[in-house]
C-alpha atoms as a PDB file:
ATOM      1  CA  MET A   1     -24.024-207.355 -68.987  1.00  0.00           C
ATOM      2  CA  SER A   2     -26.422-206.753 -66.650  1.00  0.00           C
ATOM      3  CA  LYS A   3     -28.151-208.399 -64.101  1.00  0.00           C
ATOM      4  CA  TYR A   4     -31.589-208.933 -66.479  1.00  0.00           C
ATOM      5  CA  SER A   5     -29.314-210.332 -69.585  1.00  0.00           C
ATOM      6  CA  ALA A   6     -30.854-213.781 -68.526  1.00  0.00           C
ATOM      7  CA  LEU A   7     -34.397-212.267 -69.182  1.00  0.00           C
ATOM      8  CA  GLY A   8     -33.441-211.359 -72.593  1.00  0.00           C
ATOM      9  CA  ASP A   9     -31.564-214.805 -73.466  1.00  0.00           C
ATOM     10  CA  TYR A  10     -34.888-216.641 -72.370  1.00  0.00           C
ATOM     11  CA  LEU A  11     -36.913-214.456 -74.102  1.00  0.00           C
ATOM     12  CA  LYS A  12     -34.363-214.808 -77.740  1.00  0.00           C
ATOM     13  CA  ARG A  13     -34.793-218.673 -76.763  1.00  0.00           C
ATOM     14  CA  GLN A  14     -38.730-218.456 -77.625  1.00  0.00           C
ATOM     15  CA  SER A  15     -39.951-219.830 -80.624  1.00  0.00           C
ATOM     16  CA  ARG A  16     -43.544-218.237 -79.545  1.00  0.00           C
ATOM     17  CA  ASP A  17     -44.416-214.283 -80.133  1.00  0.00           C
ATOM     18  CA  ALA A  18     -46.132-213.847 -77.559  1.00  0.00           C
ATOM     19  CA  VAL A  19     -44.859-215.025 -74.003  1.00  0.00           C
ATOM     20  CA  PRO A  20     -46.912-214.708 -70.895  1.00  0.00           C
ATOM     21  CA  MET A  21     -45.163-214.479 -67.883  1.00  0.00           C
ATOM     22  CA  THR A  22     -46.005-213.753 -63.932  1.00  0.00           C
ATOM     23  CA  PHE A  23     -43.502-211.691 -62.188  1.00  0.00           C
ATOM     24  CA  GLY A  24     -42.049-214.906 -60.302  1.00  0.00           C
ATOM     25  CA  GLU A  25     -41.252-216.103 -62.831  1.00  0.00           C
ATOM     26  CA  ILE A  26     -39.400-213.172 -64.173  1.00  0.00           C
ATOM     27  CA  GLU A  27     -37.333-213.265 -60.561  1.00  0.00           C
ATOM     28  CA  THR A  28     -36.728-216.390 -60.985  1.00  0.00           C
ATOM     29  CA  ILE A  29     -34.682-216.163 -64.266  1.00  0.00           C
ATOM     30  CA  VAL A  30     -32.973-213.255 -63.384  1.00  0.00           C
ATOM     31  CA  GLY A  31     -32.344-214.862 -59.974  1.00  0.00           C
ATOM     32  CA  ALA A  32     -33.385-211.492 -58.379  1.00  0.00           C
ATOM     33  CA  LYS A  33     -36.141-209.599 -56.701  1.00  0.00           C
ATOM     34  CA  LEU A  34     -38.003-206.722 -58.938  1.00  0.00           C
ATOM     35  CA  PRO A  35     -37.773-202.852 -57.792  1.00  0.00           C
ATOM     36  CA  ALA A  36     -40.376-201.708 -55.985  1.00  0.00           C
ATOM     37  CA  SER A  37     -41.486-199.614 -58.622  1.00  0.00           C
ATOM     38  CA  ALA A  38     -42.089-202.205 -61.531  1.00  0.00           C
ATOM     39  CA  GLN A  39     -44.825-203.827 -58.576  1.00  0.00           C
ATOM     40  CA  LYS A  40     -46.221-201.072 -58.015  1.00  0.00           C
ATOM     41  CA  HIS A  41     -46.433-198.669 -61.115  1.00  0.00           C
ATOM     42  CA  ARG A  42     -47.567-199.382 -64.415  1.00  0.00           C
ATOM     43  CA  PRO A  43     -45.446-197.057 -66.549  1.00  0.00           C
ATOM     44  CA  TRP A  44     -41.845-199.087 -65.071  1.00  0.00           C
ATOM     45  CA  TRP A  45     -43.040-201.517 -67.811  1.00  0.00           C
ATOM     46  CA  SER A  46     -42.971-199.097 -71.186  1.00  0.00           C
ATOM     47  CA  ASN A  47     -41.702-199.731 -73.623  1.00  0.00           C
ATOM     48  CA  ASN A  48     -39.254-196.817 -73.576  1.00  0.00           C
ATOM     49  CA  ALA A  49     -35.690-197.944 -73.182  1.00  0.00           C
ATOM     50  CA  ASP A  50     -35.001-194.903 -71.130  1.00  0.00           C
ATOM     51  CA  ASN A  51     -36.961-196.146 -68.408  1.00  0.00           C
ATOM     52  CA  SER A  52     -35.151-198.883 -67.395  1.00  0.00           C
ATOM     53  CA  VAL A  53     -31.771-201.443 -67.903  1.00  0.00           C
ATOM     54  CA  MET A  54     -34.630-204.356 -67.826  1.00  0.00           C
ATOM     55  CA  THR A  55     -36.433-202.779 -70.516  1.00  0.00           C
ATOM     56  CA  LYS A  56     -33.404-202.015 -72.684  1.00  0.00           C
ATOM     57  CA  VAL A  57     -33.225-206.106 -72.444  1.00  0.00           C
ATOM     58  CA  TRP A  58     -36.410-207.328 -73.314  1.00  0.00           C
ATOM     59  CA  LEU A  59     -36.172-204.528 -76.395  1.00  0.00           C
ATOM     60  CA  ASP A  60     -33.082-205.493 -77.753  1.00  0.00           C
ATOM     61  CA  ALA A  61     -34.515-209.223 -77.355  1.00  0.00           C
ATOM     62  CA  GLY A  62     -37.358-207.912 -80.055  1.00  0.00           C
ATOM     63  CA  PHE A  63     -40.138-207.931 -77.098  1.00  0.00           C
ATOM     64  CA  GLN A  64     -41.934-205.371 -76.219  1.00  0.00           C
ATOM     65  CA  SER A  65     -44.262-206.213 -72.794  1.00  0.00           C
ATOM     66  CA  GLU A  66     -48.010-205.483 -72.913  1.00  0.00           C
ATOM     67  CA  GLN A  67     -51.177-206.787 -70.862  1.00  0.00           C
ATOM     68  CA  VAL A  68     -49.440-205.721 -67.857  1.00  0.00           C
ATOM     69  CA  ASP A  69     -51.487-206.402 -64.802  1.00  0.00           C
ATOM     70  CA  ILE A  70     -49.588-205.074 -61.658  1.00  0.00           C
ATOM     71  CA  ALA A  71     -52.834-206.181 -59.108  1.00  0.00           C
ATOM     72  CA  ALA A  72     -52.352-210.560 -60.338  1.00  0.00           C
ATOM     73  CA  ARG A  73     -48.839-209.730 -61.147  1.00  0.00           C
ATOM     74  CA  LYS A  74     -48.133-210.820 -64.615  1.00  0.00           C
ATOM     75  CA  LEU A  75     -47.621-209.328 -68.326  1.00  0.00           C
ATOM     76  CA  VAL A  76     -46.854-210.645 -71.610  1.00  0.00           C
ATOM     77  CA  PHE A  77     -43.841-209.645 -73.254  1.00  0.00           C
ATOM     78  CA  ARG A  78     -44.879-210.055 -77.278  1.00  0.00           C
ATOM     79  CA  ARG A  79     -42.614-210.380 -80.079  1.00  0.00           C
ATOM     80  CA  VAL A  80     -41.906-207.351 -82.750  1.00  0.00           C
ATOM     81  CA  ARG A  81     -38.974-208.289 -84.860  1.00  0.00           C
ATOM     82  CA  ARG A  82     -36.790-211.115 -84.342  1.00  0.00           C
ATOM     83  CA  PRO A  83     -33.280-210.260 -82.772  1.00  0.00           C
ATOM     84  CA  PRO A  84     -30.184-210.041 -85.931  1.00  0.00           C
ATOM     85  CA  ALA A  85     -28.736-213.265 -84.745  1.00  0.00           C
ATOM     86  CA  ALA A  86     -31.973-214.910 -85.553  1.00  0.00           C
ATOM     87  CA  VAL A  87     -32.577-213.084 -88.775  1.00  0.00           C
ATOM     88  CA  SER A  88     -30.362-214.712 -90.516  1.00  0.00           C
ATOM     89  CA  GLY A  89     -30.008-218.264 -89.205  1.00  0.00           C
ATOM     90  CA  GLY A  90     -26.735-216.859 -87.009  1.00  0.00           C
ATOM     91  CA  GLU A  91     -25.121-215.019 -89.324  1.00  0.00           C
ATOM     92  CA  LYS A  92     -24.138-212.016 -88.688  1.00  0.00           C
ATOM     93  CA  PRO A  93     -26.596-209.413 -90.443  1.00  0.00           C
ATOM     94  CA  PHE A  94     -23.796-207.165 -92.632  1.00  0.00           C
ATOM     95  CA  HIS A  95     -23.197-206.761 -95.777  1.00  0.00           C
ATOM     96  CA  PRO A  96     -20.739-209.384 -97.180  1.00  0.00           C
ATOM     97  CA  ALA A  97     -18.352-207.397 -98.487  1.00  0.00           C
ATOM     98  CA  TYR A  98     -17.893-205.926 -94.531  1.00  0.00           C
ATOM     99  CA  GLY A  99     -14.301-206.404 -93.113  1.00  0.00           C
ATOM    100  CA  PHE A 100     -12.694-207.209 -96.729  1.00  0.00           C
ATOM    101  CA  MET A 101     -10.425-205.068 -96.423  1.00  0.00           C
ATOM    102  CA  LYS A 102      -9.488-206.194 -92.507  1.00  0.00           C
ATOM    103  CA  GLY A 103      -5.632-205.922 -91.769  1.00  0.00           C
ATOM    104  CA  LEU A 104      -4.604-204.356 -94.995  1.00  0.00           C
ATOM    105  CA  VAL A 105      -3.971-200.819 -93.374  1.00  0.00           C
ATOM    106  CA  ARG A 106      -0.902-200.512 -91.101  1.00  0.00           C
ATOM    107  CA  ILE A 107       0.442-198.075 -88.997  1.00  0.00           C
ATOM    108  CA  MET A 108       3.522-197.676 -88.001  1.00  0.00           C
ATOM    109  CA  PRO A 109       4.520-197.599 -84.072  1.00  0.00           C
ATOM    110  CA  GLY A 110       5.202-194.036 -83.604  1.00  0.00           C
ATOM    111  CA  THR A 111       3.035-192.191 -85.791  1.00  0.00           C
ATOM    112  CA  ASP A 112       1.352-190.013 -84.309  1.00  0.00           C
ATOM    113  CA  LEU A 113      -2.631-189.779 -86.173  1.00  0.00           C
ATOM    114  CA  THR A 114      -3.419-186.272 -84.505  1.00  0.00           C
ATOM    115  CA  ARG A 115      -0.426-184.138 -86.549  1.00  0.00           C
ATOM    116  CA  PRO A 116      -1.477-182.973 -89.685  1.00  0.00           C
ATOM    117  CA  ALA A 117      -0.116-184.665 -93.094  1.00  0.00           C
ATOM    118  CA  ASP A 118       1.158-181.305 -94.126  1.00  0.00           C
ATOM    119  CA  PRO A 119       1.888-177.856 -91.856  1.00  0.00           C
ATOM    120  CA  GLY A 120       2.324-175.745 -94.443  1.00  0.00           C
ATOM    121  CA  TRP A 121      -0.840-176.256 -96.059  1.00  0.00           C
ATOM    122  CA  ALA A 122      -2.627-173.378 -94.244  1.00  0.00           C
ATOM    123  CA  ASP A 123       0.200-171.016 -94.938  1.00  0.00           C
ATOM    124  CA  ARG A 124      -0.857-171.738 -99.317  1.00  0.00           C
ATOM    125  CA  LEU A 125      -3.710-171.417 -98.430  1.00  0.00           C
ATOM    126  CA  GLN A 126      -3.862-168.255 -97.208  1.00  0.00           C
ATOM    127  CA  ALA A 127      -1.083-167.328 -99.631  1.00  0.00           C
ATOM    128  CA  GLU A 128      -3.202-168.129-102.597  1.00  0.00           C
ATOM    129  CA  TYR A 129      -6.981-167.430-101.499  1.00  0.00           C
ATOM    130  CA  GLY A 130      -5.753-164.373 -98.323  1.00  0.00           C
ATOM    131  CA  PRO A 131      -7.140-164.679 -95.091  1.00  0.00           C
ATOM    132  CA  GLU A 132      -9.643-166.812 -93.701  1.00  0.00           C
ATOM    133  CA  GLU A 133     -12.980-164.788 -93.299  1.00  0.00           C
ATOM    134  CA  ARG A 134     -15.264-165.933 -90.647  1.00  0.00           C
ATOM    135  CA  GLU A 135     -18.545-165.144 -90.002  1.00  0.00           C
ATOM    136  CA  GLU A 136     -19.448-163.999 -86.677  1.00  0.00           C
END
């Protein structure tokens, strides 16, 4: 959970598709000052998910930033998609059969899942088909 998650929660609760905000309003919502680079450089507000933790927050909430005005310290968050929980009225966006086998497969304690099930398998293959030929 990042310190900017409150912004994502705020955006998800919005019914509007365009949410104009000032930098001060964002700082109030997250409870912290924006980084200096956010207040000086337009690219900080780009919609590149690798840009910053805060960028991921508004993208995950289903919004993109636009109309960034550094001098006036304001921008608009525009909805590009509904967050998954809002798509189907709060239901998970999975197929109805998802998880239908939960609890049906049990692994006995002490079972090593990395151990080959049939250690002699490679020997039988080599006996039947000959040694493995690898291209290098």
